[in-house]
């Protein structure tokens, strides 16, 4: 089971006295980062780059290794073709997060 972390979650993490600093560490405590993948939510207006920046800022309270899993490595473990041609993981979160939306869309379609 995997958890899709979206712009929606980032924005709602600020409701009812909560904050990204209180919500996301608890989330990673309950669901390991290697089971969480970030993807943009198309319903929200805005540019993809802005949504990536918003998510990166909200998750900056997490360890870098957790951020690496959430923004890239989880999707890469589901879709090995998203690795670089040398087989190494890319750590360019913007690029990977934008690719992730397409990959997770395909994943959801196949498993309905």
PDB file of N, CA and C in Angstrom:
ATOM      1  N   UNK A   1       0.842  -1.164   0.000  1.00  0.00           N
ATOM      2  CA  UNK A   1       0.000   0.000   0.000  1.00  0.00           C
ATOM      3  C   UNK A   1       0.897   1.240   0.000  1.00  0.00           C
ATOM      4  N   UNK A   2       0.577   2.170  -0.859  1.00  0.00           N
ATOM      5  CA  UNK A   2       1.322   3.418  -0.965  1.00  0.00           C
ATOM      6  C   UNK A   2       0.396   4.600  -0.702  1.00  0.00           C
ATOM      7  N   UNK A   3       0.963   5.693  -0.239  1.00  0.00           N
ATOM      8  CA  UNK A   3       0.218   6.904   0.074  1.00  0.00           C
ATOM      9  C   UNK A   3       0.638   7.990  -0.896  1.00  0.00           C
ATOM     10  N   UNK A   4      -0.339   8.588  -1.589  1.00  0.00           N
ATOM     11  CA  UNK A   4      -0.056   9.713  -2.480  1.00  0.00           C
ATOM     12  C   UNK A   4      -0.153  10.990  -1.652  1.00  0.00           C
ATOM     13  N   UNK A   5       0.926  11.703  -1.556  1.00  0.00           N
ATOM     14  CA  UNK A   5       0.966  12.992  -0.875  1.00  0.00           C
ATOM     15  C   UNK A   5       0.816  14.069  -1.942  1.00  0.00           C
ATOM     16  N   UNK A   6      -0.210  14.890  -1.824  1.00  0.00           N
ATOM     17  CA  UNK A   6      -0.500  15.865  -2.863  1.00  0.00           C
ATOM     18  C   UNK A   6      -0.475  17.287  -2.329  1.00  0.00           C
ATOM     19  N   UNK A   7      -0.645  18.215  -3.242  1.00  0.00           N
ATOM     20  CA  UNK A   7      -0.763  19.616  -2.874  1.00  0.00           C
ATOM     21  C   UNK A   7      -1.922  19.793  -1.891  1.00  0.00           C
ATOM     22  N   UNK A   8      -2.970  19.031  -2.084  1.00  0.00           N
ATOM     23  CA  UNK A   8      -4.116  19.045  -1.188  1.00  0.00           C
ATOM     24  C   UNK A   8      -3.678  18.769   0.257  1.00  0.00           C
ATOM     25  N   UNK A   9      -2.882  17.715   0.473  1.00  0.00           N
ATOM     26  CA  UNK A   9      -2.387  17.381   1.809  1.00  0.00           C
ATOM     27  C   UNK A   9      -1.508  18.492   2.372  1.00  0.00           C
ATOM     28  N   UNK A  10      -0.674  19.065   1.525  1.00  0.00           N
ATOM     29  CA  UNK A  10       0.212  20.149   1.964  1.00  0.00           C
ATOM     30  C   UNK A  10      -0.621  21.322   2.475  1.00  0.00           C
ATOM     31  N   UNK A  11      -1.636  21.678   1.734  1.00  0.00           N
ATOM     32  CA  UNK A  11      -2.462  22.831   2.125  1.00  0.00           C
ATOM     33  C   UNK A  11      -3.305  22.539   3.360  1.00  0.00           C
ATOM     34  N   UNK A  12      -3.853  21.340   3.468  1.00  0.00           N
ATOM     35  CA  UNK A  12      -4.671  20.998   4.628  1.00  0.00           C
ATOM     36  C   UNK A  12      -3.836  20.742   5.880  1.00  0.00           C
ATOM     37  N   UNK A  13      -2.527  20.570   5.727  1.00  0.00           N
ATOM     38  CA  UNK A  13      -1.676  20.371   6.904  1.00  0.00           C
ATOM     39  C   UNK A  13      -1.604  21.630   7.762  1.00  0.00           C
ATOM     40  N   UNK A  14      -2.117  22.726   7.232  1.00  0.00           N
ATOM     41  CA  UNK A  14      -2.080  24.012   7.942  1.00  0.00           C
ATOM     42  C   UNK A  14      -3.410  24.342   8.620  1.00  0.00           C
ATOM     43  N   UNK A  15      -4.378  23.426   8.593  1.00  0.00           N
ATOM     44  CA  UNK A  15      -5.709  23.677   9.160  1.00  0.00           C
ATOM     45  C   UNK A  15      -5.783  23.322  10.641  1.00  0.00           C
ATOM     46  N   UNK A  16      -6.734  23.928  11.318  1.00  0.00           N
ATOM     47  CA  UNK A  16      -7.088  23.586  12.698  1.00  0.00           C
ATOM     48  C   UNK A  16      -5.905  23.588  13.654  1.00  0.00           C
ATOM     49  N   UNK A  17      -5.049  24.576  13.524  1.00  0.00           N
ATOM     50  CA  UNK A  17      -3.927  24.724  14.440  1.00  0.00           C
ATOM     51  C   UNK A  17      -2.742  23.821  14.145  1.00  0.00           C
ATOM     52  N   UNK A  18      -2.849  23.019  13.099  1.00  0.00           N
ATOM     53  CA  UNK A  18      -1.727  22.154  12.720  1.00  0.00           C
ATOM     54  C   UNK A  18      -0.756  22.952  11.858  1.00  0.00           C
ATOM     55  N   UNK A  19       0.375  22.350  11.571  1.00  0.00           N
ATOM     56  CA  UNK A  19       1.368  22.955  10.690  1.00  0.00           C
ATOM     57  C   UNK A  19       2.103  21.826   9.983  1.00  0.00           C
ATOM     58  N   UNK A  20       2.781  22.136   8.893  1.00  0.00           N
ATOM     59  CA  UNK A  20       3.586  21.097   8.251  1.00  0.00           C
ATOM     60  C   UNK A  20       4.594  20.476   9.234  1.00  0.00           C
ATOM     61  N   UNK A  21       5.119  21.302  10.148  1.00  0.00           N
ATOM     62  CA  UNK A  21       6.118  20.809  11.115  1.00  0.00           C
ATOM     63  C   UNK A  21       5.516  19.828  12.129  1.00  0.00           C
ATOM     64  N   UNK A  22       4.206  19.889  12.357  1.00  0.00           N
ATOM     65  CA  UNK A  22       3.572  18.921  13.260  1.00  0.00           C
ATOM     66  C   UNK A  22       2.969  17.749  12.494  1.00  0.00           C
ATOM     67  N   UNK A  23       2.454  18.014  11.301  1.00  0.00           N
ATOM     68  CA  UNK A  23       1.759  16.974  10.547  1.00  0.00           C
ATOM     69  C   UNK A  23       2.700  15.975   9.872  1.00  0.00           C
ATOM     70  N   UNK A  24       3.677  16.463   9.109  1.00  0.00           N
ATOM     71  CA  UNK A  24       4.480  15.563   8.285  1.00  0.00           C
ATOM     72  C   UNK A  24       5.412  14.641   9.072  1.00  0.00           C
ATOM     73  N   UNK A  25       6.047  15.093  10.156  1.00  0.00           N
ATOM     74  CA  UNK A  25       6.819  14.122  10.943  1.00  0.00           C
ATOM     75  C   UNK A  25       5.941  12.997  11.501  1.00  0.00           C
ATOM     76  N   UNK A  26       4.717  13.330  11.907  1.00  0.00           N
ATOM     77  CA  UNK A  26       3.794  12.302  12.397  1.00  0.00           C
ATOM     78  C   UNK A  26       3.396  11.351  11.268  1.00  0.00           C
ATOM     79  N   UNK A  27       3.162  11.898  10.083  1.00  0.00           N
ATOM     80  CA  UNK A  27       2.822  11.061   8.938  1.00  0.00           C
ATOM     81  C   UNK A  27       3.933  10.060   8.645  1.00  0.00           C
ATOM     82  N   UNK A  28       5.178  10.545   8.621  1.00  0.00           N
ATOM     83  CA  UNK A  28       6.317   9.667   8.317  1.00  0.00           C
ATOM     84  C   UNK A  28       6.553   8.654   9.451  1.00  0.00           C
ATOM     85  N   UNK A  29       6.160   9.014  10.649  1.00  0.00           N
ATOM     86  CA  UNK A  29       6.248   8.070  11.771  1.00  0.00           C
ATOM     87  C   UNK A  29       5.258   6.923  11.574  1.00  0.00           C
ATOM     88  N   UNK A  30       4.096   7.230  11.030  1.00  0.00           N
ATOM     89  CA  UNK A  30       3.039   6.224  10.837  1.00  0.00           C
ATOM     90  C   UNK A  30       3.183   5.461   9.518  1.00  0.00           C
ATOM     91  N   UNK A  31       3.605   6.160   8.473  1.00  0.00           N
ATOM     92  CA  UNK A  31       3.779   5.566   7.145  1.00  0.00           C
ATOM     93  C   UNK A  31       5.210   5.853   6.715  1.00  0.00           C
ATOM     94  N   UNK A  32       6.040   4.842   6.567  1.00  0.00           N
ATOM     95  CA  UNK A  32       7.440   5.092   6.193  1.00  0.00           C
ATOM     96  C   UNK A  32       7.537   5.881   4.884  1.00  0.00           C
ATOM     97  N   UNK A  33       8.532   6.733   4.800  1.00  0.00           N
ATOM     98  CA  UNK A  33       8.717   7.591   3.626  1.00  0.00           C
ATOM     99  C   UNK A  33       8.843   6.791   2.336  1.00  0.00           C
ATOM    100  N   UNK A  34       9.345   5.573   2.405  1.00  0.00           N
ATOM    101  CA  UNK A  34       9.481   4.767   1.188  1.00  0.00           C
ATOM    102  C   UNK A  34       8.145   4.188   0.713  1.00  0.00           C
ATOM    103  N   UNK A  35       7.054   4.555   1.415  1.00  0.00           N
ATOM    104  CA  UNK A  35       5.705   4.170   0.997  1.00  0.00           C
ATOM    105  C   UNK A  35       4.862   5.401   0.657  1.00  0.00           C
ATOM    106  N   UNK A  36       5.504   6.574   0.599  1.00  0.00           N
ATOM    107  CA  UNK A  36       4.820   7.834   0.303  1.00  0.00           C
ATOM    108  C   UNK A  36       5.415   8.417  -0.973  1.00  0.00           C
ATOM    109  N   UNK A  37       4.537   8.860  -1.867  1.00  0.00           N
ATOM    110  CA  UNK A  37       4.994   9.502  -3.100  1.00  0.00           C
ATOM    111  C   UNK A  37       4.216  10.798  -3.293  1.00  0.00           C
ATOM    112  N   UNK A  38       4.937  11.890  -3.560  1.00  0.00           N
ATOM    113  CA  UNK A  38       4.289  13.166  -3.823  1.00  0.00           C
ATOM    114  C   UNK A  38       3.870  13.234  -5.277  1.00  0.00           C
ATOM    115  N   UNK A  39       2.706  13.835  -5.527  1.00  0.00           N
ATOM    116  CA  UNK A  39       2.246  14.106  -6.886  1.00  0.00           C
ATOM    117  C   UNK A  39       1.369  15.335  -6.852  1.00  0.00           C
ATOM    118  N   UNK A  40       1.446  16.131  -7.885  1.00  0.00           N
ATOM    119  CA  UNK A  40       0.611  17.328  -7.930  1.00  0.00           C
ATOM    120  C   UNK A  40      -0.841  16.927  -8.138  1.00  0.00           C
ATOM    121  N   UNK A  41      -1.741  17.733  -7.625  1.00  0.00           N
ATOM    122  CA  UNK A  41      -3.166  17.503  -7.772  1.00  0.00           C
ATOM    123  C   UNK A  41      -3.697  18.478  -8.810  1.00  0.00           C
ATOM    124  N   UNK A  42      -4.213  17.966  -9.881  1.00  0.00           N
ATOM    125  CA  UNK A  42      -4.626  18.802 -11.007  1.00  0.00           C
ATOM    126  C   UNK A  42      -5.784  19.735 -10.670  1.00  0.00           C
ATOM    127  N   UNK A  43      -6.589  19.406  -9.671  1.00  0.00           N
ATOM    128  CA  UNK A  43      -7.742  20.251  -9.334  1.00  0.00           C
ATOM    129  C   UNK A  43      -7.323  21.642  -8.883  1.00  0.00           C
ATOM    130  N   UNK A  44      -6.151  21.744  -8.294  1.00  0.00           N
ATOM    131  CA  UNK A  44      -5.704  23.035  -7.789  1.00  0.00           C
ATOM    132  C   UNK A  44      -5.099  23.848  -8.919  1.00  0.00           C
ATOM    133  N   UNK A  45      -5.482  25.087  -8.956  1.00  0.00           N
ATOM    134  CA  UNK A  45      -4.902  25.959  -9.961  1.00  0.00           C
ATOM    135  C   UNK A  45      -3.499  26.358  -9.527  1.00  0.00           C
ATOM    136  N   UNK A  46      -2.705  26.613 -10.485  1.00  0.00           N
ATOM    137  CA  UNK A  46      -1.344  27.025 -10.204  1.00  0.00           C
ATOM    138  C   UNK A  46      -0.385  26.298 -11.113  1.00  0.00           C
ATOM    139  N   UNK A  47       0.804  26.813 -11.157  1.00  0.00           N
ATOM    140  CA  UNK A  47       1.831  26.205 -11.990  1.00  0.00           C
ATOM    141  C   UNK A  47       2.462  25.043 -11.253  1.00  0.00           C
ATOM    142  N   UNK A  48       2.839  24.021 -11.985  1.00  0.00           N
ATOM    143  CA  UNK A  48       3.439  22.835 -11.387  1.00  0.00           C
ATOM    144  C   UNK A  48       4.669  23.198 -10.562  1.00  0.00           C
ATOM    145  N   UNK A  49       5.485  24.112 -11.073  1.00  0.00           N
ATOM    146  CA  UNK A  49       6.698  24.487 -10.352  1.00  0.00           C
ATOM    147  C   UNK A  49       6.363  25.099  -8.994  1.00  0.00           C
ATOM    148  N   UNK A  50       5.287  25.887  -8.938  1.00  0.00           N
ATOM    149  CA  UNK A  50       4.871  26.501  -7.676  1.00  0.00           C
ATOM    150  C   UNK A  50       4.395  25.436  -6.689  1.00  0.00           C
ATOM    151  N   UNK A  51       3.681  24.423  -7.197  1.00  0.00           N
ATOM    152  CA  UNK A  51       3.211  23.344  -6.321  1.00  0.00           C
ATOM    153  C   UNK A  51       4.387  22.520  -5.790  1.00  0.00           C
ATOM    154  N   UNK A  52       5.385  22.302  -6.631  1.00  0.00           N
ATOM    155  CA  UNK A  52       6.588  21.597  -6.182  1.00  0.00           C
ATOM    156  C   UNK A  52       7.281  22.404  -5.091  1.00  0.00           C
ATOM    157  N   UNK A  53       7.440  23.691  -5.320  1.00  0.00           N
ATOM    158  CA  UNK A  53       8.088  24.557  -4.326  1.00  0.00           C
ATOM    159  C   UNK A  53       7.305  24.555  -3.010  1.00  0.00           C
ATOM    160  N   UNK A  54       5.983  24.609  -3.094  1.00  0.00           N
ATOM    161  CA  UNK A  54       5.133  24.596  -1.897  1.00  0.00           C
ATOM    162  C   UNK A  54       5.310  23.286  -1.126  1.00  0.00           C
ATOM    163  N   UNK A  55       5.324  22.177  -1.830  1.00  0.00           N
ATOM    164  CA  UNK A  55       5.498  20.876  -1.182  1.00  0.00           C
ATOM    165  C   UNK A  55       6.898  20.748  -0.578  1.00  0.00           C
ATOM    166  N   UNK A  56       7.915  21.182  -1.318  1.00  0.00           N
ATOM    167  CA  UNK A  56       9.286  21.101  -0.797  1.00  0.00           C
ATOM    168  C   UNK A  56       9.435  21.938   0.467  1.00  0.00           C
ATOM    169  N   UNK A  57       8.828  23.116   0.500  1.00  0.00           N
ATOM    170  CA  UNK A  57       8.901  23.971   1.692  1.00  0.00           C
ATOM    171  C   UNK A  57       8.201  23.297   2.868  1.00  0.00           C
ATOM    172  N   UNK A  58       7.045  22.711   2.620  1.00  0.00           N
ATOM    173  CA  UNK A  58       6.284  22.072   3.698  1.00  0.00           C
ATOM    174  C   UNK A  58       7.016  20.851   4.257  1.00  0.00           C
ATOM    175  N   UNK A  59       7.698  20.109   3.403  1.00  0.00           N
ATOM    176  CA  UNK A  59       8.382  18.896   3.847  1.00  0.00           C
ATOM    177  C   UNK A  59       9.830  19.136   4.260  1.00  0.00           C
ATOM    178  N   UNK A  60      10.259  20.389   4.249  1.00  0.00           N
ATOM    179  CA  UNK A  60      11.643  20.697   4.626  1.00  0.00           C
ATOM    180  C   UNK A  60      11.931  20.346   6.089  1.00  0.00           C
ATOM    181  N   UNK A  61      10.900  20.132   6.882  1.00  0.00           N
ATOM    182  CA  UNK A  61      11.078  19.744   8.287  1.00  0.00           C
ATOM    183  C   UNK A  61      11.488  18.274   8.428  1.00  0.00           C
ATOM    184  N   UNK A  62      11.402  17.511   7.351  1.00  0.00           N
ATOM    185  CA  UNK A  62      11.767  16.094   7.381  1.00  0.00           C
ATOM    186  C   UNK A  62      13.250  15.909   7.064  1.00  0.00           C
ATOM    187  N   UNK A  63      13.777  14.757   7.446  1.00  0.00           N
ATOM    188  CA  UNK A  63      15.157  14.425   7.087  1.00  0.00           C
ATOM    189  C   UNK A  63      15.285  14.411   5.567  1.00  0.00           C
ATOM    190  N   UNK A  64      16.460  14.751   5.071  1.00  0.00           N
ATOM    191  CA  UNK A  64      16.690  14.763   3.627  1.00  0.00           C
ATOM    192  C   UNK A  64      16.416  13.398   3.012  1.00  0.00           C
ATOM    193  N   UNK A  65      16.766  12.332   3.696  1.00  0.00           N
ATOM    194  CA  UNK A  65      16.526  10.995   3.147  1.00  0.00           C
ATOM    195  C   UNK A  65      15.032  10.721   2.985  1.00  0.00           C
ATOM    196  N   UNK A  66      14.199  11.201   3.918  1.00  0.00           N
ATOM    197  CA  UNK A  66      12.752  11.046   3.778  1.00  0.00           C
ATOM    198  C   UNK A  66      12.234  11.858   2.603  1.00  0.00           C
ATOM    199  N   UNK A  67      12.748  13.073   2.442  1.00  0.00           N
ATOM    200  CA  UNK A  67      12.351  13.909   1.308  1.00  0.00           C
ATOM    201  C   UNK A  67      12.731  13.240  -0.017  1.00  0.00           C
ATOM    202  N   UNK A  68      13.912  12.629  -0.057  1.00  0.00           N
ATOM    203  CA  UNK A  68      14.354  11.945  -1.277  1.00  0.00           C
ATOM    204  C   UNK A  68      13.375  10.830  -1.649  1.00  0.00           C
ATOM    205  N   UNK A  69      12.929  10.072  -0.655  1.00  0.00           N
ATOM    206  CA  UNK A  69      11.961   9.007  -0.917  1.00  0.00           C
ATOM    207  C   UNK A  69      10.637   9.584  -1.393  1.00  0.00           C
ATOM    208  N   UNK A  70      10.126  10.567  -0.714  1.00  0.00           N
ATOM    209  CA  UNK A  70       8.807  11.115  -1.037  1.00  0.00           C
ATOM    210  C   UNK A  70       8.786  11.779  -2.406  1.00  0.00           C
ATOM    211  N   UNK A  71       9.827  12.523  -2.749  1.00  0.00           N
ATOM    212  CA  UNK A  71       9.835  13.258  -4.005  1.00  0.00           C
ATOM    213  C   UNK A  71      10.374  12.464  -5.187  1.00  0.00           C
ATOM    214  N   UNK A  72      11.040  11.335  -4.974  1.00  0.00           N
ATOM    215  CA  UNK A  72      11.613  10.636  -6.128  1.00  0.00           C
ATOM    216  C   UNK A  72      11.711   9.126  -5.952  1.00  0.00           C
ATOM    217  N   UNK A  73      12.366   8.669  -4.924  1.00  0.00           N
ATOM    218  CA  UNK A  73      12.722   7.251  -4.836  1.00  0.00           C
ATOM    219  C   UNK A  73      11.530   6.311  -4.745  1.00  0.00           C
ATOM    220  N   UNK A  74      10.434   6.717  -4.093  1.00  0.00           N
ATOM    221  CA  UNK A  74       9.268   5.834  -4.025  1.00  0.00           C
ATOM    222  C   UNK A  74       8.728   5.570  -5.421  1.00  0.00           C
ATOM    223  N   UNK A  75       8.554   6.622  -6.201  1.00  0.00           N
ATOM    224  CA  UNK A  75       8.075   6.448  -7.573  1.00  0.00           C
ATOM    225  C   UNK A  75       9.068   5.637  -8.395  1.00  0.00           C
ATOM    226  N   UNK A  76      10.346   5.884  -8.186  1.00  0.00           N
ATOM    227  CA  UNK A  76      11.366   5.153  -8.938  1.00  0.00           C
ATOM    228  C   UNK A  76      11.365   3.672  -8.560  1.00  0.00           C
ATOM    229  N   UNK A  77      10.997   3.357  -7.328  1.00  0.00           N
ATOM    230  CA  UNK A  77      10.932   1.940  -6.944  1.00  0.00           C
ATOM    231  C   UNK A  77       9.723   1.260  -7.582  1.00  0.00           C
ATOM    232  N   UNK A  78       8.659   2.018  -7.824  1.00  0.00           N
ATOM    233  CA  UNK A  78       7.479   1.488  -8.511  1.00  0.00           C
ATOM    234  C   UNK A  78       7.682   1.435 -10.013  1.00  0.00           C
ATOM    235  N   UNK A  79       8.442   2.402 -10.529  1.00  0.00           N
ATOM    236  CA  UNK A  79       8.689   2.548 -11.959  1.00  0.00           C
ATOM    237  C   UNK A  79      10.181   2.635 -12.210  1.00  0.00           C
ATOM    238  N   UNK A  80      10.861   1.495 -12.246  1.00  0.00           N
ATOM    239  CA  UNK A  80      12.323   1.515 -12.423  1.00  0.00           C
ATOM    240  C   UNK A  80      12.779   2.248 -13.683  1.00  0.00           C
ATOM    241  N   UNK A  81      11.943   2.365 -14.684  1.00  0.00           N
ATOM    242  CA  UNK A  81      12.320   3.076 -15.905  1.00  0.00           C
ATOM    243  C   UNK A  81      12.531   4.565 -15.657  1.00  0.00           C
ATOM    244  N   UNK A  82      12.085   5.071 -14.508  1.00  0.00           N
ATOM    245  CA  UNK A  82      12.266   6.496 -14.217  1.00  0.00           C
ATOM    246  C   UNK A  82      13.654   6.801 -13.667  1.00  0.00           C
ATOM    247  N   UNK A  83      14.473   5.780 -13.481  1.00  0.00           N
ATOM    248  CA  UNK A  83      15.862   6.013 -13.068  1.00  0.00           C
ATOM    249  C   UNK A  83      16.651   6.549 -14.251  1.00  0.00           C
ATOM    250  N   UNK A  84      17.829   7.082 -13.976  1.00  0.00           N
ATOM    251  CA  UNK A  84      18.676   7.583 -15.058  1.00  0.00           C
ATOM    252  C   UNK A  84      19.210   6.412 -15.860  1.00  0.00           C
ATOM    253  N   UNK A  85      19.778   6.696 -17.014  1.00  0.00           N
ATOM    254  CA  UNK A  85      20.309   5.646 -17.883  1.00  0.00           C
ATOM    255  C   UNK A  85      21.461   4.892 -17.228  1.00  0.00           C
ATOM    256  N   UNK A  86      22.131   5.507 -16.257  1.00  0.00           N
ATOM    257  CA  UNK A  86      23.217   4.833 -15.553  1.00  0.00           C
ATOM    258  C   UNK A  86      22.690   3.964 -14.411  1.00  0.00           C
ATOM    259  N   UNK A  87      21.372   3.983 -14.176  1.00  0.00           N
ATOM    260  CA  UNK A  87      20.790   3.186 -13.112  1.00  0.00           C
ATOM    261  C   UNK A  87      20.787   3.885 -11.764  1.00  0.00           C
ATOM    262  N   UNK A  88      21.353   5.067 -11.675  1.00  0.00           N
ATOM    263  CA  UNK A  88      21.386   5.804 -10.415  1.00  0.00           C
ATOM    264  C   UNK A  88      20.131   6.661 -10.303  1.00  0.00           C
ATOM    265  N   UNK A  89      19.730   6.931  -9.090  1.00  0.00           N
ATOM    266  CA  UNK A  89      18.583   7.801  -8.892  1.00  0.00           C
ATOM    267  C   UNK A  89      18.983   9.250  -9.110  1.00  0.00           C
ATOM    268  N   UNK A  90      18.104  10.012  -9.737  1.00  0.00           N
ATOM    269  CA  UNK A  90      18.306  11.447  -9.848  1.00  0.00           C
ATOM    270  C   UNK A  90      17.788  12.087  -8.567  1.00  0.00           C
ATOM    271  N   UNK A  91      18.415  13.140  -8.131  1.00  0.00           N
ATOM    272  CA  UNK A  91      17.974  13.828  -6.924  1.00  0.00           C
ATOM    273  C   UNK A  91      17.481  15.231  -7.230  1.00  0.00           C
ATOM    274  N   UNK A  92      17.082  15.447  -8.459  1.00  0.00           N
ATOM    275  CA  UNK A  92      16.533  16.739  -8.851  1.00  0.00           C
ATOM    276  C   UNK A  92      15.034  16.676  -8.594  1.00  0.00           C
ATOM    277  N   UNK A  93      14.631  17.080  -7.390  1.00  0.00           N
ATOM    278  CA  UNK A  93      13.243  16.904  -6.964  1.00  0.00           C
ATOM    279  C   UNK A  93      12.239  17.537  -7.901  1.00  0.00           C
ATOM    280  N   UNK A  94      12.517  18.701  -8.419  1.00  0.00           N
ATOM    281  CA  UNK A  94      11.559  19.348  -9.303  1.00  0.00           C
ATOM    282  C   UNK A  94      11.251  18.457 -10.501  1.00  0.00           C
ATOM    283  N   UNK A  95      12.285  17.991 -11.138  1.00  0.00           N
ATOM    284  CA  UNK A  95      12.140  17.181 -12.333  1.00  0.00           C
ATOM    285  C   UNK A  95      11.403  15.880 -12.020  1.00  0.00           C
ATOM    286  N   UNK A  96      11.789  15.211 -10.951  1.00  0.00           N
ATOM    287  CA  UNK A  96      11.181  13.945 -10.585  1.00  0.00           C
ATOM    288  C   UNK A  96       9.736  14.124 -10.138  1.00  0.00           C
ATOM    289  N   UNK A  97       9.450  15.151  -9.380  1.00  0.00           N
ATOM    290  CA  UNK A  97       8.086  15.373  -8.906  1.00  0.00           C
ATOM    291  C   UNK A  97       7.143  15.636 -10.072  1.00  0.00           C
ATOM    292  N   UNK A  98       7.606  16.348 -11.076  1.00  0.00           N
ATOM    293  CA  UNK A  98       6.765  16.598 -12.234  1.00  0.00           C
ATOM    294  C   UNK A  98       6.514  15.312 -13.013  1.00  0.00           C
ATOM    295  N   UNK A  99       7.505  14.446 -13.125  1.00  0.00           N
ATOM    296  CA  UNK A  99       7.328  13.159 -13.791  1.00  0.00           C
ATOM    297  C   UNK A  99       6.381  12.264 -12.992  1.00  0.00           C
ATOM    298  N   UNK A 100       6.424  12.372 -11.675  1.00  0.00           N
ATOM    299  CA  UNK A 100       5.668  11.499 -10.792  1.00  0.00           C
ATOM    300  C   UNK A 100       4.175  11.590 -11.048  1.00  0.00           C
ATOM    301  N   UNK A 101       3.664  12.762 -11.321  1.00  0.00           N
ATOM    302  CA  UNK A 101       2.234  12.900 -11.555  1.00  0.00           C
ATOM    303  C   UNK A 101       1.793  12.021 -12.716  1.00  0.00           C
ATOM    304  N   UNK A 102       2.568  11.996 -13.776  1.00  0.00           N
ATOM    305  CA  UNK A 102       2.243  11.167 -14.930  1.00  0.00           C
ATOM    306  C   UNK A 102       2.330   9.697 -14.559  1.00  0.00           C
ATOM    307  N   UNK A 103       3.369   9.313 -13.841  1.00  0.00           N
ATOM    308  CA  UNK A 103       3.549   7.909 -13.478  1.00  0.00           C
ATOM    309  C   UNK A 103       2.441   7.414 -12.566  1.00  0.00           C
ATOM    310  N   UNK A 104       2.074   8.197 -11.549  1.00  0.00           N
ATOM    311  CA  UNK A 104       1.021   7.774 -10.637  1.00  0.00           C
ATOM    312  C   UNK A 104      -0.329   7.748 -11.334  1.00  0.00           C
ATOM    313  N   UNK A 105      -0.544   8.636 -12.287  1.00  0.00           N
ATOM    314  CA  UNK A 105      -1.780   8.595 -13.058  1.00  0.00           C
ATOM    315  C   UNK A 105      -1.905   7.280 -13.788  1.00  0.00           C
ATOM    316  N   UNK A 106      -0.815   6.814 -14.392  1.00  0.00           N
ATOM    317  CA  UNK A 106      -0.798   5.531 -15.078  1.00  0.00           C
ATOM    318  C   UNK A 106      -1.017   4.400 -14.089  1.00  0.00           C
ATOM    319  N   UNK A 107      -0.386   4.462 -12.927  1.00  0.00           N
ATOM    320  CA  UNK A 107      -0.516   3.430 -11.901  1.00  0.00           C
ATOM    321  C   UNK A 107      -1.970   3.306 -11.444  1.00  0.00           C
ATOM    322  N   UNK A 108      -2.642   4.439 -11.185  1.00  0.00           N
ATOM    323  CA  UNK A 108      -4.032   4.416 -10.726  1.00  0.00           C
ATOM    324  C   UNK A 108      -4.936   3.824 -11.809  1.00  0.00           C
ATOM    325  N   UNK A 109      -4.693   4.148 -13.061  1.00  0.00           N
ATOM    326  CA  UNK A 109      -5.523   3.638 -14.151  1.00  0.00           C
ATOM    327  C   UNK A 109      -5.420   2.121 -14.249  1.00  0.00           C
ATOM    328  N   UNK A 110      -4.240   1.593 -14.114  1.00  0.00           N
ATOM    329  CA  UNK A 110      -4.034   0.147 -14.251  1.00  0.00           C
ATOM    330  C   UNK A 110      -4.613  -0.645 -13.085  1.00  0.00           C
ATOM    331  N   UNK A 111      -4.737  -0.048 -11.916  1.00  0.00           N
ATOM    332  CA  UNK A 111      -5.152  -0.809 -10.719  1.00  0.00           C
ATOM    333  C   UNK A 111      -6.559  -0.483 -10.250  1.00  0.00           C
ATOM    334  N   UNK A 112      -7.393   0.083 -11.074  1.00  0.00           N
ATOM    335  CA  UNK A 112      -8.797   0.370 -10.696  1.00  0.00           C
ATOM    336  C   UNK A 112      -9.606  -0.893 -10.709  1.00  0.00           C
TER     337      UNK A 112
END
